[in-house]
Amino acid sequence: MTEADHGSDVGHAPGARRRGRPPRTESAGTRDRILAAAREEFSERGYEKTSVRGIAKAAGVDPALVHHYFGTKEQIFEAAVSVAFAPAVNAPAAIADGPLDGVGERLTRFIFGVWENPTSRAPLLAIVRSAVNNEAAAAVFRRLVAAQLLRRIAGQLDLPDAELRAGLAAAQLVGCAMLRYVIKVEPLASADLEQIVRRIAPVVQGHLTGP
């Protein structure tokens, strides 16, 4: 397989400057296409059954280009997860926007709002399913949750055990979301969202600000 077969992106270290590299707009377009294909493949097949070759085929590029832009399969998954997880990164703002005694309800509504939205729910389902079934995917998910969600929420709490509190609140919300959207346990799966919020919000409030 020659460099001419796949364009000048093959055979060079990521980020290296070289002659014949596609224009920046073309490179960005190729990267975005690969990332979109990766999200779709991980969503449909999960981490275990998704391959770099399969992602490349779905994106219409050579597998070498997938490695060039993202590296390993785990790195591709992390890039795809980061995009899908982006809406949840705004969760800490739900804590800051309003009085402290209402933070449990605001955070609960925000998190379930992300899950209720079909656009954000599909990639989140893929993330959770992959993390449950594969340790490499679970490690990526843990890093993302710890760095982008728990620490940011903890940073909004002026308490000595803020990280533990944030973790317990997240466990409550993620666990309930798993049962409702992933495992689909009844009657939780079909319960009215307002009823769920009324039940869970006080528990989340207690984790974040209780004694």
N, C-alpha and C. Protein backbone atom coordinates (compact mmCIF):
# COMPACT_ATOMS: atom_id res chain seq x y z
N MET A 1 0.85 -1.19 0.00
CA MET A 1 0.00 0.00 0.00
C MET A 1 0.89 1.23 0.00
N THR A 2 0.70 2.10 -0.95
CA THR A 2 1.58 3.26 -1.09
C THR A 2 0.89 4.49 -0.57
N GLU A 3 1.69 5.52 -0.36
CA GLU A 3 1.13 6.78 0.11
C GLU A 3 0.19 7.36 -0.91
N ALA A 4 0.48 7.11 -2.20
CA ALA A 4 -0.36 7.65 -3.25
C ALA A 4 -1.75 7.03 -3.23
N ASP A 5 -1.84 5.80 -2.72
CA ASP A 5 -3.13 5.12 -2.70
C ASP A 5 -4.12 5.81 -1.79
N HIS A 6 -3.64 6.44 -0.72
CA HIS A 6 -4.55 6.99 0.29
C HIS A 6 -4.33 8.47 0.58
N GLY A 7 -3.53 9.11 -0.19
CA GLY A 7 -3.32 10.53 0.05
C GLY A 7 -2.18 10.75 1.00
N SER A 8 -1.78 11.98 1.15
CA SER A 8 -0.57 12.32 1.90
C SER A 8 -0.76 12.25 3.39
N ASP A 9 -1.98 11.92 3.88
CA ASP A 9 -2.17 11.84 5.33
C ASP A 9 -1.58 10.58 5.91
N VAL A 10 -1.27 9.56 5.10
CA VAL A 10 -0.83 8.27 5.61
C VAL A 10 0.67 8.25 5.78
N GLY A 11 1.11 7.59 6.86
CA GLY A 11 2.54 7.36 7.05
C GLY A 11 3.26 8.44 7.79
N HIS A 12 2.55 9.34 8.39
CA HIS A 12 3.19 10.42 9.13
C HIS A 12 2.58 10.50 10.52
N ALA A 13 3.34 10.99 11.48
CA ALA A 13 2.84 11.15 12.84
C ALA A 13 1.74 12.19 12.87
N PRO A 14 0.71 11.99 13.68
CA PRO A 14 -0.36 12.97 13.79
C PRO A 14 0.18 14.36 14.12
N GLY A 15 -0.33 15.36 13.40
CA GLY A 15 0.06 16.73 13.69
C GLY A 15 1.35 17.16 13.01
N ALA A 16 2.08 16.24 12.37
CA ALA A 16 3.35 16.60 11.74
C ALA A 16 3.10 17.44 10.50
N ARG A 17 3.98 18.39 10.24
CA ARG A 17 3.89 19.22 9.05
C ARG A 17 4.53 18.46 7.89
N ARG A 18 3.88 18.47 6.75
CA ARG A 18 4.42 17.74 5.62
C ARG A 18 3.89 18.31 4.32
N ARG A 19 4.61 18.02 3.24
CA ARG A 19 4.19 18.49 1.94
C ARG A 19 2.97 17.70 1.48
N GLY A 20 2.09 18.36 0.77
CA GLY A 20 0.97 17.67 0.19
C GLY A 20 -0.19 17.43 1.13
N ARG A 21 -0.13 17.98 2.34
CA ARG A 21 -1.24 17.78 3.27
C ARG A 21 -2.47 18.49 2.72
N PRO A 22 -3.67 17.87 2.85
CA PRO A 22 -4.88 18.50 2.34
C PRO A 22 -5.11 19.85 3.00
N PRO A 23 -5.80 20.75 2.31
CA PRO A 23 -6.11 22.05 2.92
C PRO A 23 -6.80 21.86 4.26
N ARG A 24 -6.68 22.86 5.14
CA ARG A 24 -7.24 22.77 6.49
C ARG A 24 -8.72 22.44 6.47
N THR A 25 -9.47 23.07 5.56
CA THR A 25 -10.91 22.82 5.51
C THR A 25 -11.20 21.37 5.14
N GLU A 26 -10.40 20.81 4.20
CA GLU A 26 -10.59 19.41 3.81
C GLU A 26 -10.26 18.48 4.96
N SER A 27 -9.17 18.77 5.68
CA SER A 27 -8.78 17.95 6.81
C SER A 27 -9.86 17.97 7.89
N ALA A 28 -10.39 19.15 8.17
CA ALA A 28 -11.43 19.27 9.18
C ALA A 28 -12.67 18.48 8.77
N GLY A 29 -13.01 18.55 7.48
CA GLY A 29 -14.17 17.82 6.99
C GLY A 29 -13.99 16.33 7.11
N THR A 30 -12.79 15.83 6.81
CA THR A 30 -12.51 14.40 6.92
C THR A 30 -12.58 13.96 8.37
N ARG A 31 -11.99 14.74 9.25
CA ARG A 31 -12.01 14.40 10.69
C ARG A 31 -13.44 14.35 11.21
N ASP A 32 -14.24 15.34 10.84
CA ASP A 32 -15.62 15.37 11.31
C ASP A 32 -16.41 14.18 10.77
N ARG A 33 -16.13 13.80 9.54
CA ARG A 33 -16.83 12.67 8.94
C ARG A 33 -16.48 11.36 9.66
N ILE A 34 -15.22 11.21 9.99
CA ILE A 34 -14.78 10.03 10.72
C ILE A 34 -15.42 10.00 12.11
N LEU A 35 -15.44 11.16 12.78
CA LEU A 35 -16.00 11.23 14.13
C LEU A 35 -17.49 10.91 14.11
N ALA A 36 -18.21 11.41 13.11
CA ALA A 36 -19.64 11.12 12.99
C ALA A 36 -19.87 9.63 12.75
N ALA A 37 -19.03 9.03 11.91
CA ALA A 37 -19.14 7.60 11.64
C ALA A 37 -18.83 6.79 12.89
N ALA A 38 -17.84 7.24 13.66
CA ALA A 38 -17.48 6.54 14.90
C ALA A 38 -18.63 6.58 15.89
N ARG A 39 -19.26 7.73 16.05
CA ARG A 39 -20.39 7.83 16.97
C ARG A 39 -21.51 6.88 16.55
N GLU A 40 -21.76 6.81 15.26
CA GLU A 40 -22.81 5.93 14.75
C GLU A 40 -22.47 4.46 14.98
N GLU A 41 -21.22 4.10 14.69
CA GLU A 41 -20.80 2.71 14.86
C GLU A 41 -20.84 2.28 16.33
N PHE A 42 -20.33 3.14 17.22
CA PHE A 42 -20.36 2.81 18.64
C PHE A 42 -21.79 2.73 19.16
N SER A 43 -22.67 3.60 18.62
CA SER A 43 -24.07 3.60 19.04
C SER A 43 -24.76 2.31 18.64
N GLU A 44 -24.49 1.85 17.42
CA GLU A 44 -25.18 0.68 16.90
C GLU A 44 -24.56 -0.63 17.38
N ARG A 45 -23.23 -0.67 17.50
CA ARG A 45 -22.54 -1.92 17.76
C ARG A 45 -21.95 -2.05 19.15
N GLY A 46 -21.78 -0.91 19.85
CA GLY A 46 -21.09 -0.96 21.13
C GLY A 46 -19.58 -0.98 20.92
N TYR A 47 -18.85 -0.85 22.02
CA TYR A 47 -17.39 -0.76 21.92
C TYR A 47 -16.76 -2.05 21.42
N GLU A 48 -17.21 -3.17 21.95
CA GLU A 48 -16.60 -4.46 21.64
C GLU A 48 -16.65 -4.76 20.14
N LYS A 49 -17.80 -4.54 19.52
CA LYS A 49 -18.00 -4.96 18.14
C LYS A 49 -17.63 -3.89 17.11
N THR A 50 -17.27 -2.72 17.58
CA THR A 50 -16.85 -1.66 16.66
C THR A 50 -15.36 -1.80 16.37
N SER A 51 -14.98 -1.64 15.11
CA SER A 51 -13.58 -1.74 14.71
C SER A 51 -13.17 -0.49 13.95
N VAL A 52 -11.87 -0.23 13.93
CA VAL A 52 -11.34 0.90 13.18
C VAL A 52 -11.69 0.73 11.71
N ARG A 53 -11.57 -0.49 11.21
CA ARG A 53 -11.91 -0.75 9.81
C ARG A 53 -13.38 -0.44 9.53
N GLY A 54 -14.25 -0.82 10.46
CA GLY A 54 -15.67 -0.54 10.29
C GLY A 54 -15.96 0.95 10.29
N ILE A 55 -15.30 1.69 11.17
CA ILE A 55 -15.47 3.15 11.21
C ILE A 55 -14.99 3.77 9.90
N ALA A 56 -13.84 3.29 9.41
CA ALA A 56 -13.29 3.81 8.16
C ALA A 56 -14.23 3.55 7.00
N LYS A 57 -14.80 2.35 6.95
CA LYS A 57 -15.73 2.00 5.88
C LYS A 57 -16.96 2.91 5.92
N ALA A 58 -17.49 3.12 7.12
CA ALA A 58 -18.67 3.97 7.27
C ALA A 58 -18.39 5.41 6.88
N ALA A 59 -17.15 5.85 7.13
CA ALA A 59 -16.77 7.23 6.80
C ALA A 59 -16.29 7.38 5.36
N GLY A 60 -16.05 6.25 4.69
CA GLY A 60 -15.58 6.30 3.31
C GLY A 60 -14.12 6.70 3.19
N VAL A 61 -13.29 6.28 4.16
CA VAL A 61 -11.87 6.61 4.13
C VAL A 61 -11.05 5.36 4.41
N ASP A 62 -9.75 5.46 4.22
CA ASP A 62 -8.86 4.36 4.54
C ASP A 62 -8.68 4.27 6.06
N PRO A 63 -8.56 3.05 6.61
CA PRO A 63 -8.33 2.92 8.06
C PRO A 63 -7.13 3.71 8.56
N ALA A 64 -6.12 3.88 7.70
CA ALA A 64 -4.94 4.64 8.13
C ALA A 64 -5.30 6.08 8.48
N LEU A 65 -6.30 6.63 7.80
CA LEU A 65 -6.71 8.01 8.11
C LEU A 65 -7.38 8.08 9.48
N VAL A 66 -8.10 7.05 9.84
CA VAL A 66 -8.72 7.01 11.17
C VAL A 66 -7.64 7.05 12.25
N HIS A 67 -6.61 6.23 12.06
CA HIS A 67 -5.49 6.24 13.01
C HIS A 67 -4.78 7.60 13.00
N HIS A 68 -4.65 8.18 11.82
CA HIS A 68 -3.94 9.46 11.70
C HIS A 68 -4.62 10.55 12.53
N TYR A 69 -5.95 10.64 12.41
CA TYR A 69 -6.66 11.71 13.10
C TYR A 69 -6.93 11.42 14.58
N PHE A 70 -7.10 10.14 14.95
CA PHE A 70 -7.53 9.83 16.31
C PHE A 70 -6.65 8.87 17.07
N GLY A 71 -5.82 8.10 16.40
CA GLY A 71 -4.96 7.15 17.11
C GLY A 71 -5.62 5.80 17.28
N THR A 72 -5.66 5.32 18.52
CA THR A 72 -6.18 3.98 18.79
C THR A 72 -7.70 3.98 18.84
N LYS A 73 -8.27 2.79 18.90
CA LYS A 73 -9.72 2.64 19.03
C LYS A 73 -10.22 3.31 20.31
N GLU A 74 -9.48 3.16 21.39
CA GLU A 74 -9.87 3.79 22.66
C GLU A 74 -9.88 5.31 22.53
N GLN A 75 -8.91 5.86 21.81
CA GLN A 75 -8.85 7.31 21.62
C GLN A 75 -10.00 7.79 20.73
N ILE A 76 -10.38 6.98 19.74
CA ILE A 76 -11.52 7.33 18.89
C ILE A 76 -12.79 7.34 19.74
N PHE A 77 -12.92 6.33 20.59
CA PHE A 77 -14.09 6.25 21.46
C PHE A 77 -14.16 7.46 22.38
N GLU A 78 -13.03 7.84 22.95
CA GLU A 78 -13.01 8.99 23.87
C GLU A 78 -13.42 10.27 23.15
N ALA A 79 -12.95 10.43 21.90
CA ALA A 79 -13.32 11.62 21.12
C ALA A 79 -14.82 11.62 20.84
N ALA A 80 -15.36 10.47 20.49
CA ALA A 80 -16.78 10.36 20.21
C ALA A 80 -17.60 10.60 21.48
N VAL A 81 -17.15 10.05 22.60
CA VAL A 81 -17.83 10.20 23.87
C VAL A 81 -17.82 11.67 24.31
N SER A 82 -16.70 12.34 24.12
CA SER A 82 -16.57 13.73 24.56
C SER A 82 -17.61 14.61 23.88
N VAL A 83 -17.84 14.37 22.59
CA VAL A 83 -18.84 15.14 21.85
C VAL A 83 -20.23 14.82 22.37
N ALA A 84 -20.50 13.54 22.55
CA ALA A 84 -21.83 13.13 23.01
C ALA A 84 -22.10 13.59 24.44
N PHE A 85 -21.05 13.65 25.25
CA PHE A 85 -21.18 14.00 26.66
C PHE A 85 -21.24 15.51 26.88
N ALA A 86 -20.96 16.27 25.84
CA ALA A 86 -20.85 17.73 25.96
C ALA A 86 -22.05 18.38 26.65
N PRO A 87 -23.30 17.99 26.32
CA PRO A 87 -24.44 18.66 27.00
C PRO A 87 -24.39 18.52 28.51
N ALA A 88 -23.93 17.38 29.01
CA ALA A 88 -23.89 17.15 30.46
C ALA A 88 -22.83 18.00 31.14
N VAL A 89 -21.85 18.49 30.36
CA VAL A 89 -20.79 19.30 30.94
C VAL A 89 -21.34 20.61 31.50
N ASN A 90 -22.48 21.04 30.99
CA ASN A 90 -23.09 22.28 31.47
C ASN A 90 -23.84 22.11 32.78
N ALA A 91 -23.86 20.88 33.31
CA ALA A 91 -24.59 20.61 34.55
C ALA A 91 -24.17 21.51 35.71
N PRO A 92 -22.86 21.79 35.91
CA PRO A 92 -22.49 22.65 37.03
C PRO A 92 -23.17 24.01 37.01
N ALA A 93 -23.53 24.49 35.84
CA ALA A 93 -24.22 25.77 35.76
C ALA A 93 -25.59 25.69 36.44
N ALA A 94 -26.18 24.49 36.46
CA ALA A 94 -27.47 24.32 37.12
C ALA A 94 -27.36 24.53 38.62
N ILE A 95 -26.17 24.30 39.16
CA ILE A 95 -25.96 24.51 40.59
C ILE A 95 -25.83 26.00 40.90
N ALA A 96 -25.10 26.68 40.06
CA ALA A 96 -24.80 28.09 40.32
C ALA A 96 -25.99 29.00 40.07
N ASP A 97 -26.90 28.59 39.19
CA ASP A 97 -27.99 29.46 38.76
C ASP A 97 -29.20 29.35 39.68
N GLY A 98 -29.10 29.97 40.85
CA GLY A 98 -30.24 29.96 41.76
C GLY A 98 -29.82 29.69 43.19
N PRO A 99 -30.77 29.73 44.12
CA PRO A 99 -30.46 29.51 45.54
C PRO A 99 -30.02 28.08 45.79
N LEU A 100 -29.21 27.90 46.81
CA LEU A 100 -28.63 26.60 47.13
C LEU A 100 -29.70 25.58 47.53
N ASP A 101 -30.79 26.05 48.13
CA ASP A 101 -31.80 25.09 48.58
C ASP A 101 -32.63 24.50 47.44
N GLY A 102 -32.38 24.97 46.23
CA GLY A 102 -33.09 24.41 45.07
C GLY A 102 -32.16 23.72 44.10
N VAL A 103 -30.92 23.50 44.50
CA VAL A 103 -29.93 22.94 43.59
C VAL A 103 -30.27 21.50 43.19
N GLY A 104 -30.85 20.74 44.12
CA GLY A 104 -31.19 19.35 43.81
C GLY A 104 -32.19 19.23 42.67
N GLU A 105 -33.21 20.05 42.72
CA GLU A 105 -34.22 20.03 41.67
C GLU A 105 -33.65 20.54 40.35
N ARG A 106 -32.85 21.60 40.39
CA ARG A 106 -32.29 22.15 39.15
C ARG A 106 -31.38 21.13 38.46
N LEU A 107 -30.52 20.49 39.25
CA LEU A 107 -29.59 19.52 38.68
C LEU A 107 -30.34 18.30 38.15
N THR A 108 -31.35 17.84 38.89
CA THR A 108 -32.14 16.69 38.46
C THR A 108 -32.86 16.99 37.15
N ARG A 109 -33.47 18.15 37.07
CA ARG A 109 -34.17 18.53 35.84
C ARG A 109 -33.19 18.64 34.67
N PHE A 110 -32.03 19.18 34.93
CA PHE A 110 -31.06 19.33 33.85
C PHE A 110 -30.62 17.97 33.31
N ILE A 111 -30.21 17.09 34.21
CA ILE A 111 -29.71 15.78 33.79
C ILE A 111 -30.78 14.97 33.06
N PHE A 112 -31.98 14.96 33.61
CA PHE A 112 -33.04 14.21 32.94
C PHE A 112 -33.48 14.89 31.65
N GLY A 113 -33.31 16.20 31.58
CA GLY A 113 -33.59 16.90 30.33
C GLY A 113 -32.66 16.44 29.21
N VAL A 114 -31.40 16.19 29.55
CA VAL A 114 -30.44 15.68 28.57
C VAL A 114 -30.87 14.30 28.11
N TRP A 115 -31.29 13.45 29.04
CA TRP A 115 -31.71 12.09 28.68
C TRP A 115 -33.03 12.09 27.92
N GLU A 116 -33.92 13.00 28.22
CA GLU A 116 -35.22 13.04 27.54
C GLU A 116 -35.10 13.51 26.10
N ASN A 117 -34.06 14.26 25.78
CA ASN A 117 -33.85 14.76 24.42
C ASN A 117 -33.35 13.62 23.53
N PRO A 118 -34.10 13.21 22.51
CA PRO A 118 -33.67 12.09 21.66
C PRO A 118 -32.30 12.30 21.02
N THR A 119 -31.97 13.54 20.70
CA THR A 119 -30.69 13.83 20.05
C THR A 119 -29.51 13.50 20.95
N SER A 120 -29.61 13.83 22.22
CA SER A 120 -28.52 13.55 23.15
C SER A 120 -28.65 12.18 23.80
N ARG A 121 -29.87 11.62 23.82
CA ARG A 121 -30.05 10.33 24.48
C ARG A 121 -29.37 9.18 23.72
N ALA A 122 -29.46 9.18 22.40
CA ALA A 122 -28.90 8.07 21.61
C ALA A 122 -27.40 7.87 21.85
N PRO A 123 -26.58 8.92 21.74
CA PRO A 123 -25.15 8.71 22.01
C PRO A 123 -24.86 8.38 23.47
N LEU A 124 -25.66 8.92 24.39
CA LEU A 124 -25.46 8.58 25.80
C LEU A 124 -25.74 7.11 26.07
N LEU A 125 -26.75 6.57 25.41
CA LEU A 125 -27.04 5.15 25.54
C LEU A 125 -25.86 4.31 25.07
N ALA A 126 -25.26 4.73 23.95
CA ALA A 126 -24.10 4.00 23.42
C ALA A 126 -22.93 4.04 24.40
N ILE A 127 -22.73 5.19 25.02
CA ILE A 127 -21.64 5.35 25.98
C ILE A 127 -21.83 4.41 27.17
N VAL A 128 -23.04 4.44 27.73
CA VAL A 128 -23.31 3.65 28.93
C VAL A 128 -23.23 2.16 28.63
N ARG A 129 -23.81 1.73 27.52
CA ARG A 129 -23.77 0.32 27.15
C ARG A 129 -22.35 -0.16 26.93
N SER A 130 -21.55 0.66 26.27
CA SER A 130 -20.16 0.29 26.02
C SER A 130 -19.38 0.21 27.33
N ALA A 131 -19.62 1.18 28.22
CA ALA A 131 -18.90 1.22 29.49
C ALA A 131 -19.24 0.02 30.37
N VAL A 132 -20.47 -0.44 30.30
CA VAL A 132 -20.90 -1.58 31.11
C VAL A 132 -20.24 -2.87 30.62
N ASN A 133 -20.02 -2.97 29.32
CA ASN A 133 -19.56 -4.23 28.73
C ASN A 133 -18.07 -4.30 28.46
N ASN A 134 -17.35 -3.19 28.59
CA ASN A 134 -15.93 -3.21 28.24
C ASN A 134 -15.14 -2.32 29.20
N GLU A 135 -14.04 -2.84 29.73
CA GLU A 135 -13.26 -2.10 30.72
C GLU A 135 -12.58 -0.88 30.11
N ALA A 136 -12.09 -1.00 28.86
CA ALA A 136 -11.45 0.14 28.21
C ALA A 136 -12.45 1.28 28.04
N ALA A 137 -13.66 0.94 27.61
CA ALA A 137 -14.71 1.95 27.46
C ALA A 137 -15.10 2.51 28.82
N ALA A 138 -15.15 1.65 29.84
CA ALA A 138 -15.48 2.11 31.19
C ALA A 138 -14.44 3.09 31.71
N ALA A 139 -13.17 2.83 31.41
CA ALA A 139 -12.09 3.72 31.86
C ALA A 139 -12.24 5.10 31.23
N VAL A 140 -12.59 5.13 29.95
CA VAL A 140 -12.81 6.41 29.27
C VAL A 140 -13.98 7.15 29.91
N PHE A 141 -15.05 6.42 30.17
CA PHE A 141 -16.24 7.03 30.77
C PHE A 141 -15.94 7.58 32.16
N ARG A 142 -15.17 6.82 32.95
CA ARG A 142 -14.81 7.29 34.30
C ARG A 142 -14.00 8.57 34.23
N ARG A 143 -13.02 8.61 33.33
CA ARG A 143 -12.20 9.83 33.20
C ARG A 143 -13.06 11.03 32.83
N LEU A 144 -13.98 10.81 31.92
CA LEU A 144 -14.83 11.90 31.45
C LEU A 144 -15.75 12.39 32.56
N VAL A 145 -16.37 11.46 33.25
CA VAL A 145 -17.29 11.83 34.34
C VAL A 145 -16.54 12.54 35.45
N ALA A 146 -15.37 12.02 35.81
CA ALA A 146 -14.59 12.61 36.90
C ALA A 146 -14.10 14.01 36.54
N ALA A 147 -13.52 14.13 35.36
CA ALA A 147 -12.89 15.40 34.98
C ALA A 147 -13.89 16.47 34.59
N GLN A 148 -14.94 16.10 33.86
CA GLN A 148 -15.82 17.12 33.28
C GLN A 148 -17.11 17.32 34.06
N LEU A 149 -17.47 16.38 34.90
CA LEU A 149 -18.74 16.53 35.60
C LEU A 149 -18.56 16.63 37.11
N LEU A 150 -18.03 15.58 37.75
CA LEU A 150 -17.98 15.55 39.20
C LEU A 150 -17.12 16.66 39.78
N ARG A 151 -15.93 16.85 39.22
CA ARG A 151 -15.05 17.89 39.77
C ARG A 151 -15.63 19.28 39.58
N ARG A 152 -16.32 19.48 38.47
CA ARG A 152 -16.91 20.79 38.23
C ARG A 152 -18.10 21.04 39.16
N ILE A 153 -18.88 20.00 39.40
CA ILE A 153 -19.98 20.15 40.36
C ILE A 153 -19.43 20.40 41.76
N ALA A 154 -18.41 19.61 42.14
CA ALA A 154 -17.81 19.77 43.46
C ALA A 154 -17.25 21.17 43.64
N GLY A 155 -16.73 21.74 42.54
CA GLY A 155 -16.16 23.09 42.61
C GLY A 155 -17.18 24.15 42.95
N GLN A 156 -18.48 23.84 42.75
CA GLN A 156 -19.54 24.80 43.07
C GLN A 156 -19.99 24.70 44.53
N LEU A 157 -19.52 23.66 45.23
CA LEU A 157 -19.96 23.45 46.62
C LEU A 157 -18.85 23.86 47.59
N ASP A 158 -19.17 24.73 48.49
CA ASP A 158 -18.19 25.20 49.47
C ASP A 158 -18.26 24.32 50.71
N LEU A 159 -17.90 23.04 50.50
CA LEU A 159 -17.97 22.06 51.58
C LEU A 159 -16.73 21.17 51.55
N PRO A 160 -16.26 20.70 52.70
CA PRO A 160 -15.01 19.93 52.74
C PRO A 160 -15.10 18.59 52.01
N ASP A 161 -16.29 17.97 51.98
CA ASP A 161 -16.45 16.69 51.31
C ASP A 161 -17.22 16.85 50.00
N ALA A 162 -16.94 17.93 49.29
CA ALA A 162 -17.70 18.27 48.08
C ALA A 162 -17.62 17.20 47.01
N GLU A 163 -16.44 16.59 46.82
CA GLU A 163 -16.31 15.58 45.76
C GLU A 163 -17.14 14.34 46.07
N LEU A 164 -17.15 13.93 47.32
CA LEU A 164 -17.98 12.78 47.70
C LEU A 164 -19.46 13.10 47.50
N ARG A 165 -19.86 14.29 47.91
CA ARG A 165 -21.25 14.70 47.74
C ARG A 165 -21.65 14.71 46.26
N ALA A 166 -20.77 15.26 45.42
CA ALA A 166 -21.05 15.30 43.98
C ALA A 166 -21.14 13.89 43.41
N GLY A 167 -20.27 13.00 43.89
CA GLY A 167 -20.29 11.63 43.43
C GLY A 167 -21.56 10.90 43.80
N LEU A 168 -22.03 11.11 45.02
CA LEU A 168 -23.27 10.48 45.47
C LEU A 168 -24.48 11.01 44.70
N ALA A 169 -24.49 12.31 44.46
CA ALA A 169 -25.59 12.89 43.68
C ALA A 169 -25.59 12.34 42.26
N ALA A 170 -24.40 12.24 41.66
CA ALA A 170 -24.29 11.70 40.31
C ALA A 170 -24.71 10.24 40.26
N ALA A 171 -24.33 9.47 41.30
CA ALA A 171 -24.72 8.06 41.35
C ALA A 171 -26.24 7.92 41.38
N GLN A 172 -26.89 8.79 42.15
CA GLN A 172 -28.35 8.76 42.22
C GLN A 172 -28.97 9.02 40.85
N LEU A 173 -28.46 10.03 40.16
CA LEU A 173 -29.02 10.43 38.87
C LEU A 173 -28.67 9.43 37.77
N VAL A 174 -27.43 9.00 37.72
CA VAL A 174 -27.01 8.05 36.69
C VAL A 174 -27.71 6.71 36.88
N GLY A 175 -27.82 6.27 38.14
CA GLY A 175 -28.49 5.00 38.42
C GLY A 175 -29.94 5.02 37.98
N CYS A 176 -30.62 6.09 38.29
CA CYS A 176 -32.02 6.20 37.89
C CYS A 176 -32.15 6.27 36.37
N ALA A 177 -31.24 7.01 35.74
CA ALA A 177 -31.25 7.11 34.27
C ALA A 177 -31.01 5.75 33.63
N MET A 178 -30.10 4.96 34.21
CA MET A 178 -29.82 3.62 33.70
C MET A 178 -31.09 2.76 33.74
N LEU A 179 -31.78 2.79 34.87
CA LEU A 179 -32.98 1.97 35.02
C LEU A 179 -34.11 2.43 34.09
N ARG A 180 -34.21 3.73 33.89
CA ARG A 180 -35.30 4.28 33.07
C ARG A 180 -35.03 4.16 31.57
N TYR A 181 -33.81 4.51 31.15
CA TYR A 181 -33.54 4.62 29.72
C TYR A 181 -32.77 3.45 29.12
N VAL A 182 -31.97 2.76 29.92
CA VAL A 182 -31.14 1.68 29.39
C VAL A 182 -31.79 0.32 29.65
N ILE A 183 -32.05 0.02 30.93
CA ILE A 183 -32.65 -1.26 31.29
C ILE A 183 -34.17 -1.23 31.12
N LYS A 184 -34.74 -0.05 31.24
CA LYS A 184 -36.18 0.18 31.03
C LYS A 184 -37.03 -0.63 32.01
N VAL A 185 -36.71 -0.47 33.28
CA VAL A 185 -37.47 -1.13 34.34
C VAL A 185 -38.77 -0.38 34.58
N GLU A 186 -39.87 -1.12 34.57
CA GLU A 186 -41.17 -0.52 34.84
C GLU A 186 -41.48 -0.58 36.34
N PRO A 187 -42.23 0.36 36.88
CA PRO A 187 -42.91 1.45 36.18
C PRO A 187 -42.05 2.68 35.95
N LEU A 188 -40.77 2.62 36.33
CA LEU A 188 -39.89 3.79 36.19
C LEU A 188 -39.77 4.23 34.73
N ALA A 189 -39.67 3.26 33.82
CA ALA A 189 -39.42 3.59 32.41
C ALA A 189 -40.54 4.43 31.80
N SER A 190 -41.76 4.19 32.24
CA SER A 190 -42.89 4.93 31.65
C SER A 190 -43.50 5.95 32.61
N ALA A 191 -42.89 6.15 33.75
CA ALA A 191 -43.42 7.11 34.72
C ALA A 191 -43.31 8.54 34.20
N ASP A 192 -44.23 9.37 34.65
CA ASP A 192 -44.20 10.78 34.28
C ASP A 192 -42.93 11.43 34.84
N LEU A 193 -42.26 12.22 34.00
CA LEU A 193 -40.99 12.82 34.40
C LEU A 193 -41.14 13.70 35.63
N GLU A 194 -42.23 14.43 35.73
CA GLU A 194 -42.44 15.31 36.88
C GLU A 194 -42.51 14.51 38.18
N GLN A 195 -43.12 13.35 38.12
CA GLN A 195 -43.19 12.49 39.30
C GLN A 195 -41.80 12.03 39.71
N ILE A 196 -40.98 11.69 38.73
CA ILE A 196 -39.61 11.25 39.00
C ILE A 196 -38.81 12.39 39.64
N VAL A 197 -38.94 13.57 39.09
CA VAL A 197 -38.21 14.73 39.62
C VAL A 197 -38.61 15.00 41.06
N ARG A 198 -39.91 14.92 41.34
CA ARG A 198 -40.38 15.18 42.71
C ARG A 198 -39.79 14.17 43.70
N ARG A 199 -39.61 12.94 43.26
CA ARG A 199 -39.09 11.90 44.14
C ARG A 199 -37.58 11.98 44.32
N ILE A 200 -36.88 12.27 43.24
CA ILE A 200 -35.41 12.18 43.26
C ILE A 200 -34.76 13.49 43.71
N ALA A 201 -35.30 14.62 43.33
CA ALA A 201 -34.68 15.90 43.62
C ALA A 201 -34.33 16.09 45.10
N PRO A 202 -35.24 15.74 46.04
CA PRO A 202 -34.88 15.91 47.45
C PRO A 202 -33.69 15.04 47.88
N VAL A 203 -33.58 13.86 47.27
CA VAL A 203 -32.45 12.98 47.60
C VAL A 203 -31.15 13.58 47.09
N VAL A 204 -31.18 14.10 45.88
CA VAL A 204 -30.01 14.76 45.30
C VAL A 204 -29.64 15.98 46.12
N GLN A 205 -30.67 16.73 46.55
CA GLN A 205 -30.43 17.91 47.41
C GLN A 205 -29.73 17.49 48.69
N GLY A 206 -30.19 16.39 49.29
CA GLY A 206 -29.58 15.92 50.52
C GLY A 206 -28.12 15.53 50.35
N HIS A 207 -27.81 14.89 49.23
CA HIS A 207 -26.41 14.53 48.95
C HIS A 207 -25.53 15.77 48.83
N LEU A 208 -26.05 16.79 48.16
CA LEU A 208 -25.22 17.96 47.87
C LEU A 208 -25.10 18.93 49.05
N THR A 209 -26.16 19.11 49.81
CA THR A 209 -26.12 20.16 50.83
C THR A 209 -26.54 19.68 52.23
N GLY A 210 -26.96 18.43 52.35
CA GLY A 210 -27.43 17.94 53.65
C GLY A 210 -26.29 17.83 54.66
N PRO A 211 -26.66 17.48 55.90
CA PRO A 211 -25.65 17.37 56.96
C PRO A 211 -24.68 16.21 56.72
